[in-house]
Amino acid sequence: MSQLKTPEACESLNDVRAGIDFFDRQILESLKQRLGYVKAAVQFKANEQAIPAPERVAAMLEDRREWAVAAGFEVAFVEKLYEQIIHWNIQQQILHWQVTYPDRNKA
């Protein structure tokens, strides 16, 4: 692959697409690394019911809204994006809990 160009230096649609593809791969790699931390959190949870942590989700979404404003993004877009990420990660964490601690009571 040729060297990644800045958006302003792009000379063709292929240059633009290469940049988009590069950053989409980085987003996916970041989501993979984030999931590693999500799974690591199960060791600190008392039980499976502690995983959803709605108060933590609310605090996280508030932070992400503030980050969206600071980054110049539309808050509603960022909030919806993180709602999807967080809720999918919660489901993955629950599945990881069930595999890691199959003998623990759900209560």
PDB file of N, CA and C in Angstrom:
ATOM      1  N   MET A   1       0.846  -1.186   0.000  1.00  0.00           N
ATOM      2  CA  MET A   1       0.000   0.000   0.000  1.00  0.00           C
ATOM      3  C   MET A   1       0.884   1.239   0.000  1.00  0.00           C
ATOM      4  N   SER A   2       0.468   2.223  -0.777  1.00  0.00           N
ATOM      5  CA  SER A   2       1.215   3.477  -0.797  1.00  0.00           C
ATOM      6  C   SER A   2       1.003   4.224   0.509  1.00  0.00           C
ATOM      7  N   GLN A   3       1.833   5.230   0.715  1.00  0.00           N
ATOM      8  CA  GLN A   3       1.760   5.993   1.959  1.00  0.00           C
ATOM      9  C   GLN A   3       0.406   6.699   2.069  1.00  0.00           C
ATOM     10  N   LEU A   4      -0.157   6.675   3.271  1.00  0.00           N
ATOM     11  CA  LEU A   4      -1.440   7.313   3.530  1.00  0.00           C
ATOM     12  C   LEU A   4      -1.296   8.823   3.369  1.00  0.00           C
ATOM     13  N   LYS A   5      -2.203   9.405   2.619  1.00  0.00           N
ATOM     14  CA  LYS A   5      -2.186  10.855   2.395  1.00  0.00           C
ATOM     15  C   LYS A   5      -3.171  11.524   3.334  1.00  0.00           C
ATOM     16  N   THR A   6      -2.891  12.758   3.663  1.00  0.00           N
ATOM     17  CA  THR A   6      -3.865  13.537   4.428  1.00  0.00           C
ATOM     18  C   THR A   6      -5.064  13.804   3.526  1.00  0.00           C
ATOM     19  N   PRO A   7      -6.228  14.101   4.104  1.00  0.00           N
ATOM     20  CA  PRO A   7      -7.385  14.383   3.251  1.00  0.00           C
ATOM     21  C   PRO A   7      -7.104  15.501   2.238  1.00  0.00           C
ATOM     22  N   GLU A   8      -6.378  16.510   2.658  1.00  0.00           N
ATOM     23  CA  GLU A   8      -6.094  17.640   1.772  1.00  0.00           C
ATOM     24  C   GLU A   8      -5.127  17.277   0.643  1.00  0.00           C
ATOM     25  N   ALA A   9      -4.308  16.246   0.853  1.00  0.00           N
ATOM     26  CA  ALA A   9      -3.320  15.846  -0.146  1.00  0.00           C
ATOM     27  C   ALA A   9      -3.833  14.789  -1.118  1.00  0.00           C
ATOM     28  N   CYS A  10      -5.056  14.298  -0.902  1.00  0.00           N
ATOM     29  CA  CYS A  10      -5.599  13.269  -1.788  1.00  0.00           C
ATOM     30  C   CYS A  10      -5.706  13.802  -3.212  1.00  0.00           C
ATOM     31  N   GLU A  11      -5.296  12.948  -4.138  1.00  0.00           N
ATOM     32  CA  GLU A  11      -5.317  13.319  -5.551  1.00  0.00           C
ATOM     33  C   GLU A  11      -6.333  12.516  -6.350  1.00  0.00           C
ATOM     34  N   SER A  12      -6.972  11.553  -5.683  1.00  0.00           N
ATOM     35  CA  SER A  12      -7.952  10.720  -6.379  1.00  0.00           C
ATOM     36  C   SER A  12      -8.912  10.111  -5.356  1.00  0.00           C
ATOM     37  N   LEU A  13      -9.989   9.555  -5.886  1.00  0.00           N
ATOM     38  CA  LEU A  13     -10.942   8.853  -5.026  1.00  0.00           C
ATOM     39  C   LEU A  13     -10.283   7.643  -4.384  1.00  0.00           C
ATOM     40  N   ASN A  14      -9.339   7.018  -5.081  1.00  0.00           N
ATOM     41  CA  ASN A  14      -8.615   5.887  -4.496  1.00  0.00           C
ATOM     42  C   ASN A  14      -7.821   6.313  -3.269  1.00  0.00           C
ATOM     43  N   ASP A  15      -7.219   7.509  -3.317  1.00  0.00           N
ATOM     44  CA  ASP A  15      -6.501   8.023  -2.148  1.00  0.00           C
ATOM     45  C   ASP A  15      -7.458   8.211  -0.975  1.00  0.00           C
ATOM     46  N   VAL A  16      -8.622   8.759  -1.256  1.00  0.00           N
ATOM     47  CA  VAL A  16      -9.634   8.982  -0.221  1.00  0.00           C
ATOM     48  C   VAL A  16     -10.083   7.651   0.362  1.00  0.00           C
ATOM     49  N   ARG A  17     -10.374   6.694  -0.497  1.00  0.00           N
ATOM     50  CA  ARG A  17     -10.826   5.374  -0.038  1.00  0.00           C
ATOM     51  C   ARG A  17      -9.757   4.670   0.783  1.00  0.00           C
ATOM     52  N   ALA A  18      -8.503   4.819   0.396  1.00  0.00           N
ATOM     53  CA  ALA A  18      -7.413   4.210   1.164  1.00  0.00           C
ATOM     54  C   ALA A  18      -7.375   4.797   2.574  1.00  0.00           C
ATOM     55  N   GLY A  19      -7.583   6.097   2.691  1.00  0.00           N
ATOM     56  CA  GLY A  19      -7.614   6.733   4.005  1.00  0.00           C
ATOM     57  C   GLY A  19      -8.778   6.249   4.843  1.00  0.00           C
ATOM     58  N   ILE A  20      -9.943   6.164   4.244  1.00  0.00           N
ATOM     59  CA  ILE A  20     -11.134   5.688   4.958  1.00  0.00           C
ATOM     60  C   ILE A  20     -10.928   4.240   5.411  1.00  0.00           C
ATOM     61  N   ASP A  21     -10.428   3.396   4.500  1.00  0.00           N
ATOM     62  CA  ASP A  21     -10.187   1.991   4.849  1.00  0.00           C
ATOM     63  C   ASP A  21      -9.185   1.874   5.996  1.00  0.00           C
ATOM     64  N   PHE A  22      -8.130   2.679   5.960  1.00  0.00           N
ATOM     65  CA  PHE A  22      -7.125   2.666   7.015  1.00  0.00           C
ATOM     66  C   PHE A  22      -7.755   2.970   8.369  1.00  0.00           C
ATOM     67  N   PHE A  23      -8.557   4.016   8.429  1.00  0.00           N
ATOM     68  CA  PHE A  23      -9.147   4.399   9.705  1.00  0.00           C
ATOM     69  C   PHE A  23     -10.260   3.460  10.133  1.00  0.00           C
ATOM     70  N   ASP A  24     -10.980   2.875   9.190  1.00  0.00           N
ATOM     71  CA  ASP A  24     -11.978   1.868   9.568  1.00  0.00           C
ATOM     72  C   ASP A  24     -11.306   0.650  10.201  1.00  0.00           C
ATOM     73  N   ARG A  25     -10.145   0.251   9.676  1.00  0.00           N
ATOM     74  CA  ARG A  25      -9.406  -0.857  10.299  1.00  0.00           C
ATOM     75  C   ARG A  25      -8.963  -0.475  11.702  1.00  0.00           C
ATOM     76  N   GLN A  26      -8.538   0.765  11.884  1.00  0.00           N
ATOM     77  CA  GLN A  26      -8.133   1.226  13.214  1.00  0.00           C
ATOM     78  C   GLN A  26      -9.312   1.237  14.182  1.00  0.00           C
ATOM     79  N   ILE A  27     -10.474   1.634  13.711  1.00  0.00           N
ATOM     80  CA  ILE A  27     -11.674   1.622  14.557  1.00  0.00           C
ATOM     81  C   ILE A  27     -11.975   0.200  15.015  1.00  0.00           C
ATOM     82  N   LEU A  28     -11.927  -0.751  14.087  1.00  0.00           N
ATOM     83  CA  LEU A  28     -12.193  -2.144  14.448  1.00  0.00           C
ATOM     84  C   LEU A  28     -11.145  -2.688  15.411  1.00  0.00           C
ATOM     85  N   GLU A  29      -9.892  -2.353  15.199  1.00  0.00           N
ATOM     86  CA  GLU A  29      -8.839  -2.795  16.118  1.00  0.00           C
ATOM     87  C   GLU A  29      -9.070  -2.188  17.504  1.00  0.00           C
ATOM     88  N   SER A  30      -9.469  -0.936  17.559  1.00  0.00           N
ATOM     89  CA  SER A  30      -9.760  -0.293  18.846  1.00  0.00           C
ATOM     90  C   SER A  30     -10.938  -0.958  19.540  1.00  0.00           C
ATOM     91  N   LEU A  31     -11.972  -1.307  18.778  1.00  0.00           N
ATOM     92  CA  LEU A  31     -13.116  -1.999  19.364  1.00  0.00           C
ATOM     93  C   LEU A  31     -12.707  -3.372  19.898  1.00  0.00           C
ATOM     94  N   LYS A  32     -11.810  -4.046  19.200  1.00  0.00           N
ATOM     95  CA  LYS A  32     -11.307  -5.345  19.665  1.00  0.00           C
ATOM     96  C   LYS A  32     -10.551  -5.172  20.981  1.00  0.00           C
ATOM     97  N   GLN A  33      -9.703  -4.170  21.060  1.00  0.00           N
ATOM     98  CA  GLN A  33      -8.951  -3.924  22.285  1.00  0.00           C
ATOM     99  C   GLN A  33      -9.883  -3.511  23.416  1.00  0.00           C
ATOM    100  N   ARG A  34     -10.892  -2.700  23.113  1.00  0.00           N
ATOM    101  CA  ARG A  34     -11.880  -2.289  24.125  1.00  0.00           C
ATOM    102  C   ARG A  34     -12.581  -3.519  24.699  1.00  0.00           C
ATOM    103  N   LEU A  35     -12.946  -4.451  23.811  1.00  0.00           N
ATOM    104  CA  LEU A  35     -13.627  -5.670  24.245  1.00  0.00           C
ATOM    105  C   LEU A  35     -12.751  -6.480  25.192  1.00  0.00           C
ATOM    106  N   GLY A  36     -11.451  -6.454  24.986  1.00  0.00           N
ATOM    107  CA  GLY A  36     -10.548  -7.130  25.908  1.00  0.00           C
ATOM    108  C   GLY A  36     -10.686  -6.582  27.323  1.00  0.00           C
ATOM    109  N   TYR A  37     -10.793  -5.262  27.449  1.00  0.00           N
ATOM    110  CA  TYR A  37     -10.985  -4.654  28.766  1.00  0.00           C
ATOM    111  C   TYR A  37     -12.359  -4.991  29.337  1.00  0.00           C
ATOM    112  N   VAL A  38     -13.352  -5.013  28.479  1.00  0.00           N
ATOM    113  CA  VAL A  38     -14.703  -5.368  28.912  1.00  0.00           C
ATOM    114  C   VAL A  38     -14.714  -6.777  29.491  1.00  0.00           C
ATOM    115  N   LYS A  39     -14.061  -7.698  28.803  1.00  0.00           N
ATOM    116  CA  LYS A  39     -14.003  -9.074  29.300  1.00  0.00           C
ATOM    117  C   LYS A  39     -13.180  -9.175  30.578  1.00  0.00           C
ATOM    118  N   ALA A  40     -12.124  -8.380  30.676  1.00  0.00           N
ATOM    119  CA  ALA A  40     -11.291  -8.394  31.886  1.00  0.00           C
ATOM    120  C   ALA A  40     -12.080  -7.931  33.103  1.00  0.00           C
ATOM    121  N   ALA A  41     -13.102  -7.124  32.900  1.00  0.00           N
ATOM    122  CA  ALA A  41     -13.887  -6.584  34.018  1.00  0.00           C
ATOM    123  C   ALA A  41     -14.674  -7.658  34.761  1.00  0.00           C
ATOM    124  N   VAL A  42     -14.930  -8.808  34.116  1.00  0.00           N
ATOM    125  CA  VAL A  42     -15.747  -9.825  34.797  1.00  0.00           C
ATOM    126  C   VAL A  42     -15.108 -10.301  36.094  1.00  0.00           C
ATOM    127  N   GLN A  43     -13.791 -10.272  36.169  1.00  0.00           N
ATOM    128  CA  GLN A  43     -13.126 -10.746  37.389  1.00  0.00           C
ATOM    129  C   GLN A  43     -13.423  -9.853  38.588  1.00  0.00           C
ATOM    130  N   PHE A  44     -13.918  -8.658  38.323  1.00  0.00           N
ATOM    131  CA  PHE A  44     -14.212  -7.717  39.405  1.00  0.00           C
ATOM    132  C   PHE A  44     -15.713  -7.599  39.686  1.00  0.00           C
ATOM    133  N   LYS A  45     -16.519  -8.397  38.995  1.00  0.00           N
ATOM    134  CA  LYS A  45     -17.968  -8.374  39.179  1.00  0.00           C
ATOM    135  C   LYS A  45     -18.371  -9.453  40.168  1.00  0.00           C
ATOM    136  N   ALA A  46     -19.259  -9.105  41.081  1.00  0.00           N
ATOM    137  CA  ALA A  46     -19.702 -10.053  42.113  1.00  0.00           C
ATOM    138  C   ALA A  46     -20.520 -11.189  41.525  1.00  0.00           C
ATOM    139  N   ASN A  47     -21.286 -10.877  40.495  1.00  0.00           N
ATOM    140  CA  ASN A  47     -22.130 -11.878  39.864  1.00  0.00           C
ATOM    141  C   ASN A  47     -22.558 -11.372  38.491  1.00  0.00           C
ATOM    142  N   GLU A  48     -23.244 -12.210  37.751  1.00  0.00           N
ATOM    143  CA  GLU A  48     -23.668 -11.859  36.392  1.00  0.00           C
ATOM    144  C   GLU A  48     -24.607 -10.655  36.378  1.00  0.00           C
ATOM    145  N   GLN A  49     -25.433 -10.525  37.410  1.00  0.00           N
ATOM    146  CA  GLN A  49     -26.387  -9.408  37.460  1.00  0.00           C
ATOM    147  C   GLN A  49     -25.691  -8.056  37.635  1.00  0.00           C
ATOM    148  N   ALA A  50     -24.460  -8.069  38.112  1.00  0.00           N
ATOM    149  CA  ALA A  50     -23.713  -6.825  38.289  1.00  0.00           C
ATOM    150  C   ALA A  50     -23.152  -6.293  36.970  1.00  0.00           C
ATOM    151  N   ILE A  51     -23.203  -7.081  35.941  1.00  0.00           N
ATOM    152  CA  ILE A  51     -22.577  -6.697  34.675  1.00  0.00           C
ATOM    153  C   ILE A  51     -23.228  -5.474  34.021  1.00  0.00           C
ATOM    154  N   PRO A  52     -24.538  -5.398  33.873  1.00  0.00           N
ATOM    155  CA  PRO A  52     -25.099  -4.257  33.138  1.00  0.00           C
ATOM    156  C   PRO A  52     -24.779  -2.876  33.727  1.00  0.00           C
ATOM    157  N   ALA A  53     -24.717  -2.730  35.025  1.00  0.00           N
ATOM    158  CA  ALA A  53     -24.329  -1.482  35.707  1.00  0.00           C
ATOM    159  C   ALA A  53     -24.927  -0.235  35.050  1.00  0.00           C
ATOM    160  N   PRO A  54     -26.248  -0.074  35.114  1.00  0.00           N
ATOM    161  CA  PRO A  54     -26.891   1.051  34.431  1.00  0.00           C
ATOM    162  C   PRO A  54     -26.370   2.425  34.853  1.00  0.00           C
ATOM    163  N   GLU A  55     -25.948   2.542  36.125  1.00  0.00           N
ATOM    164  CA  GLU A  55     -25.419   3.834  36.569  1.00  0.00           C
ATOM    165  C   GLU A  55     -24.098   4.146  35.867  1.00  0.00           C
ATOM    166  N   ARG A  56     -23.285   3.127  35.637  1.00  0.00           N
ATOM    167  CA  ARG A  56     -22.028   3.306  34.903  1.00  0.00           C
ATOM    168  C   ARG A  56     -22.302   3.642  33.447  1.00  0.00           C
ATOM    169  N   VAL A  57     -23.276   2.970  32.845  1.00  0.00           N
ATOM    170  CA  VAL A  57     -23.640   3.256  31.458  1.00  0.00           C
ATOM    171  C   VAL A  57     -24.086   4.706  31.328  1.00  0.00           C
ATOM    172  N   ALA A  58     -24.929   5.166  32.240  1.00  0.00           N
ATOM    173  CA  ALA A  58     -25.398   6.557  32.196  1.00  0.00           C
ATOM    174  C   ALA A  58     -24.234   7.535  32.305  1.00  0.00           C
ATOM    175  N   ALA A  59     -23.302   7.251  33.213  1.00  0.00           N
ATOM    176  CA  ALA A  59     -22.138   8.130  33.379  1.00  0.00           C
ATOM    177  C   ALA A  59     -21.255   8.109  32.125  1.00  0.00           C
ATOM    178  N   MET A  60     -21.082   6.928  31.544  1.00  0.00           N
ATOM    179  CA  MET A  60     -20.277   6.817  30.331  1.00  0.00           C
ATOM    180  C   MET A  60     -20.897   7.617  29.193  1.00  0.00           C
ATOM    181  N   LEU A  61     -22.209   7.488  29.035  1.00  0.00           N
ATOM    182  CA  LEU A  61     -22.878   8.204  27.948  1.00  0.00           C
ATOM    183  C   LEU A  61     -22.785   9.716  28.146  1.00  0.00           C
ATOM    184  N   GLU A  62     -22.868  10.167  29.373  1.00  0.00           N
ATOM    185  CA  GLU A  62     -22.711  11.599  29.642  1.00  0.00           C
ATOM    186  C   GLU A  62     -21.314  12.059  29.241  1.00  0.00           C
ATOM    187  N   ASP A  63     -20.295  11.286  29.609  1.00  0.00           N
ATOM    188  CA  ASP A  63     -18.925  11.614  29.202  1.00  0.00           C
ATOM    189  C   ASP A  63     -18.795  11.656  27.690  1.00  0.00           C
ATOM    190  N   ARG A  64     -19.344  10.663  27.008  1.00  0.00           N
ATOM    191  CA  ARG A  64     -19.244  10.602  25.540  1.00  0.00           C
ATOM    192  C   ARG A  64     -19.963  11.773  24.884  1.00  0.00           C
ATOM    193  N   ARG A  65     -21.074  12.218  25.472  1.00  0.00           N
ATOM    194  CA  ARG A  65     -21.755  13.408  24.947  1.00  0.00           C
ATOM    195  C   ARG A  65     -20.837  14.629  25.056  1.00  0.00           C
ATOM    196  N   GLU A  66     -20.173  14.765  26.197  1.00  0.00           N
ATOM    197  CA  GLU A  66     -19.237  15.880  26.384  1.00  0.00           C
ATOM    198  C   GLU A  66     -18.076  15.776  25.400  1.00  0.00           C
ATOM    199  N   TRP A  67     -17.551  14.559  25.211  1.00  0.00           N
ATOM    200  CA  TRP A  67     -16.460  14.359  24.265  1.00  0.00           C
ATOM    201  C   TRP A  67     -16.905  14.700  22.844  1.00  0.00           C
ATOM    202  N   ALA A  68     -18.150  14.361  22.518  1.00  0.00           N
ATOM    203  CA  ALA A  68     -18.680  14.666  21.188  1.00  0.00           C
ATOM    204  C   ALA A  68     -18.682  16.173  20.944  1.00  0.00           C
ATOM    205  N   VAL A  69     -19.154  16.917  21.935  1.00  0.00           N
ATOM    206  CA  VAL A  69     -19.174  18.378  21.814  1.00  0.00           C
ATOM    207  C   VAL A  69     -17.754  18.901  21.612  1.00  0.00           C
ATOM    208  N   ALA A  70     -16.828  18.433  22.433  1.00  0.00           N
ATOM    209  CA  ALA A  70     -15.439  18.890  22.348  1.00  0.00           C
ATOM    210  C   ALA A  70     -14.810  18.556  20.995  1.00  0.00           C
ATOM    211  N   ALA A  71     -15.212  17.435  20.399  1.00  0.00           N
ATOM    212  CA  ALA A  71     -14.658  17.010  19.116  1.00  0.00           C
ATOM    213  C   ALA A  71     -15.405  17.609  17.929  1.00  0.00           C
ATOM    214  N   GLY A  72     -16.511  18.304  18.195  1.00  0.00           N
ATOM    215  CA  GLY A  72     -17.277  18.910  17.120  1.00  0.00           C
ATOM    216  C   GLY A  72     -18.202  17.952  16.393  1.00  0.00           C
ATOM    217  N   PHE A  73     -18.570  16.857  17.065  1.00  0.00           N
ATOM    218  CA  PHE A  73     -19.488  15.893  16.482  1.00  0.00           C
ATOM    219  C   PHE A  73     -20.912  16.155  16.950  1.00  0.00           C
ATOM    220  N   GLU A  74     -21.851  15.682  16.166  1.00  0.00           N
ATOM    221  CA  GLU A  74     -23.259  15.762  16.552  1.00  0.00           C
ATOM    222  C   GLU A  74     -23.467  14.831  17.749  1.00  0.00           C
ATOM    223  N   VAL A  75     -23.971  15.382  18.830  1.00  0.00           N
ATOM    224  CA  VAL A  75     -24.119  14.630  20.082  1.00  0.00           C
ATOM    225  C   VAL A  75     -25.042  13.429  19.900  1.00  0.00           C
ATOM    226  N   ALA A  76     -26.139  13.587  19.205  1.00  0.00           N
ATOM    227  CA  ALA A  76     -27.088  12.479  19.033  1.00  0.00           C
ATOM    228  C   ALA A  76     -26.441  11.303  18.305  1.00  0.00           C
ATOM    229  N   PHE A  77     -25.613  11.586  17.323  1.00  0.00           N
ATOM    230  CA  PHE A  77     -24.918  10.518  16.595  1.00  0.00           C
ATOM    231  C   PHE A  77     -23.985   9.765  17.529  1.00  0.00           C
ATOM    232  N   VAL A  78     -23.161  10.482  18.270  1.00  0.00           N
ATOM    233  CA  VAL A  78     -22.186   9.857  19.164  1.00  0.00           C
ATOM    234  C   VAL A  78     -22.893   9.075  20.262  1.00  0.00           C
ATOM    235  N   GLU A  79     -23.963   9.640  20.802  1.00  0.00           N
ATOM    236  CA  GLU A  79     -24.705   8.938  21.850  1.00  0.00           C
ATOM    237  C   GLU A  79     -25.269   7.619  21.326  1.00  0.00           C
ATOM    238  N   LYS A  80     -25.870   7.642  20.160  1.00  0.00           N
ATOM    239  CA  LYS A  80     -26.441   6.417  19.578  1.00  0.00           C
ATOM    240  C   LYS A  80     -25.334   5.400  19.276  1.00  0.00           C
ATOM    241  N   LEU A  81     -24.222   5.872  18.752  1.00  0.00           N
ATOM    242  CA  LEU A  81     -23.098   4.995  18.463  1.00  0.00           C
ATOM    243  C   LEU A  81     -22.618   4.301  19.727  1.00  0.00           C
ATOM    244  N   TYR A  82     -22.419   5.059  20.793  1.00  0.00           N
ATOM    245  CA  TYR A  82     -21.929   4.458  22.033  1.00  0.00           C
ATOM    246  C   TYR A  82     -22.980   3.613  22.729  1.00  0.00           C
ATOM    247  N   GLU A  83     -24.230   3.938  22.590  1.00  0.00           N
ATOM    248  CA  GLU A  83     -25.270   3.053  23.129  1.00  0.00           C
ATOM    249  C   GLU A  83     -25.142   1.677  22.492  1.00  0.00           C
ATOM    250  N   GLN A  84     -24.942   1.643  21.187  1.00  0.00           N
ATOM    251  CA  GLN A  84     -24.780   0.366  20.482  1.00  0.00           C
ATOM    252  C   GLN A  84     -23.525  -0.362  20.953  1.00  0.00           C
ATOM    253  N   ILE A  85     -22.417   0.351  21.023  1.00  0.00           N
ATOM    254  CA  ILE A  85     -21.154  -0.257  21.453  1.00  0.00           C
ATOM    255  C   ILE A  85     -21.277  -0.800  22.869  1.00  0.00           C
ATOM    256  N   ILE A  86     -21.791   0.013  23.773  1.00  0.00           N
ATOM    257  CA  ILE A  86     -21.882  -0.375  25.184  1.00  0.00           C
ATOM    258  C   ILE A  86     -22.801  -1.572  25.365  1.00  0.00           C
ATOM    259  N   HIS A  87     -23.971  -1.531  24.761  1.00  0.00           N
ATOM    260  CA  HIS A  87     -24.927  -2.622  24.968  1.00  0.00           C
ATOM    261  C   HIS A  87     -24.443  -3.931  24.335  1.00  0.00           C
ATOM    262  N   TRP A  88     -23.771  -3.852  23.196  1.00  0.00           N
ATOM    263  CA  TRP A  88     -23.204  -5.058  22.603  1.00  0.00           C
ATOM    264  C   TRP A  88     -22.098  -5.597  23.507  1.00  0.00           C
ATOM    265  N   ASN A  89     -21.263  -4.702  24.037  1.00  0.00           N
ATOM    266  CA  ASN A  89     -20.191  -5.124  24.934  1.00  0.00           C
ATOM    267  C   ASN A  89     -20.742  -5.743  26.213  1.00  0.00           C
ATOM    268  N   ILE A  90     -21.826  -5.224  26.732  1.00  0.00           N
ATOM    269  CA  ILE A  90     -22.455  -5.824  27.914  1.00  0.00           C
ATOM    270  C   ILE A  90     -22.862  -7.265  27.605  1.00  0.00           C
ATOM    271  N   GLN A  91     -23.454  -7.480  26.441  1.00  0.00           N
ATOM    272  CA  GLN A  91     -23.849  -8.842  26.062  1.00  0.00           C
ATOM    273  C   GLN A  91     -22.631  -9.747  25.936  1.00  0.00           C
ATOM    274  N   GLN A  92     -21.553  -9.220  25.372  1.00  0.00           N
ATOM    275  CA  GLN A  92     -20.324 -10.004  25.257  1.00  0.00           C
ATOM    276  C   GLN A  92     -19.737 -10.307  26.634  1.00  0.00           C
ATOM    277  N   GLN A  93     -19.840  -9.353  27.548  1.00  0.00           N
ATOM    278  CA  GLN A  93     -19.334  -9.563  28.896  1.00  0.00           C
ATOM    279  C   GLN A  93     -20.146 -10.636  29.627  1.00  0.00           C
ATOM    280  N   ILE A  94     -21.452 -10.615  29.439  1.00  0.00           N
ATOM    281  CA  ILE A  94     -22.307 -11.643  30.041  1.00  0.00           C
ATOM    282  C   ILE A  94     -21.934 -13.021  29.500  1.00  0.00           C
ATOM    283  N   LEU A  95     -21.760 -13.127  28.192  1.00  0.00           N
ATOM    284  CA  LEU A  95     -21.354 -14.412  27.602  1.00  0.00           C
ATOM    285  C   LEU A  95     -19.996 -14.852  28.134  1.00  0.00           C
ATOM    286  N   HIS A  96     -19.088 -13.911  28.266  1.00  0.00           N
ATOM    287  CA  HIS A  96     -17.762 -14.230  28.800  1.00  0.00           C
ATOM    288  C   HIS A  96     -17.873 -14.692  30.256  1.00  0.00           C
ATOM    289  N   TRP A  97     -18.713 -14.039  31.025  1.00  0.00           N
ATOM    290  CA  TRP A  97     -18.947 -14.454  32.419  1.00  0.00           C
ATOM    291  C   TRP A  97     -19.434 -15.900  32.447  1.00  0.00           C
ATOM    292  N   GLN A  98     -20.419 -16.204  31.601  1.00  0.00           N
ATOM    293  CA  GLN A  98     -21.020 -17.538  31.597  1.00  0.00           C
ATOM    294  C   GLN A  98     -20.009 -18.618  31.217  1.00  0.00           C
ATOM    295  N   VAL A  99     -19.084 -18.303  30.331  1.00  0.00           N
ATOM    296  CA  VAL A  99     -18.056 -19.257  29.935  1.00  0.00           C
ATOM    297  C   VAL A  99     -16.979 -19.359  31.024  1.00  0.00           C
ATOM    298  N   THR A 100     -16.613 -18.228  31.601  1.00  0.00           N
ATOM    299  CA  THR A 100     -15.540 -18.184  32.594  1.00  0.00           C
ATOM    300  C   THR A 100     -15.959 -18.773  33.936  1.00  0.00           C
ATOM    301  N   TYR A 101     -17.205 -18.506  34.335  1.00  0.00           N
ATOM    302  CA  TYR A 101     -17.713 -18.947  35.634  1.00  0.00           C
ATOM    303  C   TYR A 101     -18.985 -19.774  35.486  1.00  0.00           C
ATOM    304  N   PRO A 102     -18.915 -20.911  34.812  1.00  0.00           N
ATOM    305  CA  PRO A 102     -20.135 -21.688  34.548  1.00  0.00           C
ATOM    306  C   PRO A 102     -20.801 -22.240  35.804  1.00  0.00           C
ATOM    307  N   ASP A 103     -20.049 -22.379  36.883  1.00  0.00           N
ATOM    308  CA  ASP A 103     -20.599 -22.979  38.090  1.00  0.00           C
ATOM    309  C   ASP A 103     -21.135 -21.957  39.090  1.00  0.00           C
ATOM    310  N   ARG A 104     -20.957 -20.679  38.819  1.00  0.00           N
ATOM    311  CA  ARG A 104     -21.427 -19.660  39.769  1.00  0.00           C
ATOM    312  C   ARG A 104     -22.931 -19.414  39.597  1.00  0.00           C
ATOM    313  N   ASN A 105     -23.565 -19.236  40.720  1.00  0.00           N
ATOM    314  CA  ASN A 105     -24.999 -18.964  40.723  1.00  0.00           C
ATOM    315  C   ASN A 105     -25.231 -17.597  40.103  1.00  0.00           C
ATOM    316  N   LYS A 106     -26.291 -17.449  39.348  1.00  0.00           N
ATOM    317  CA  LYS A 106     -26.616 -16.166  38.708  1.00  0.00           C
ATOM    318  C   LYS A 106     -27.118 -15.133  39.717  1.00  0.00           C
ATOM    319  N   ALA A 107     -27.474 -15.534  40.876  1.00  0.00           N
ATOM    320  CA  ALA A 107     -28.012 -14.585  41.863  1.00  0.00           C
ATOM    321  C   ALA A 107     -26.909 -13.839  42.565  1.00  0.00           C
TER     322      ALA A 107
END
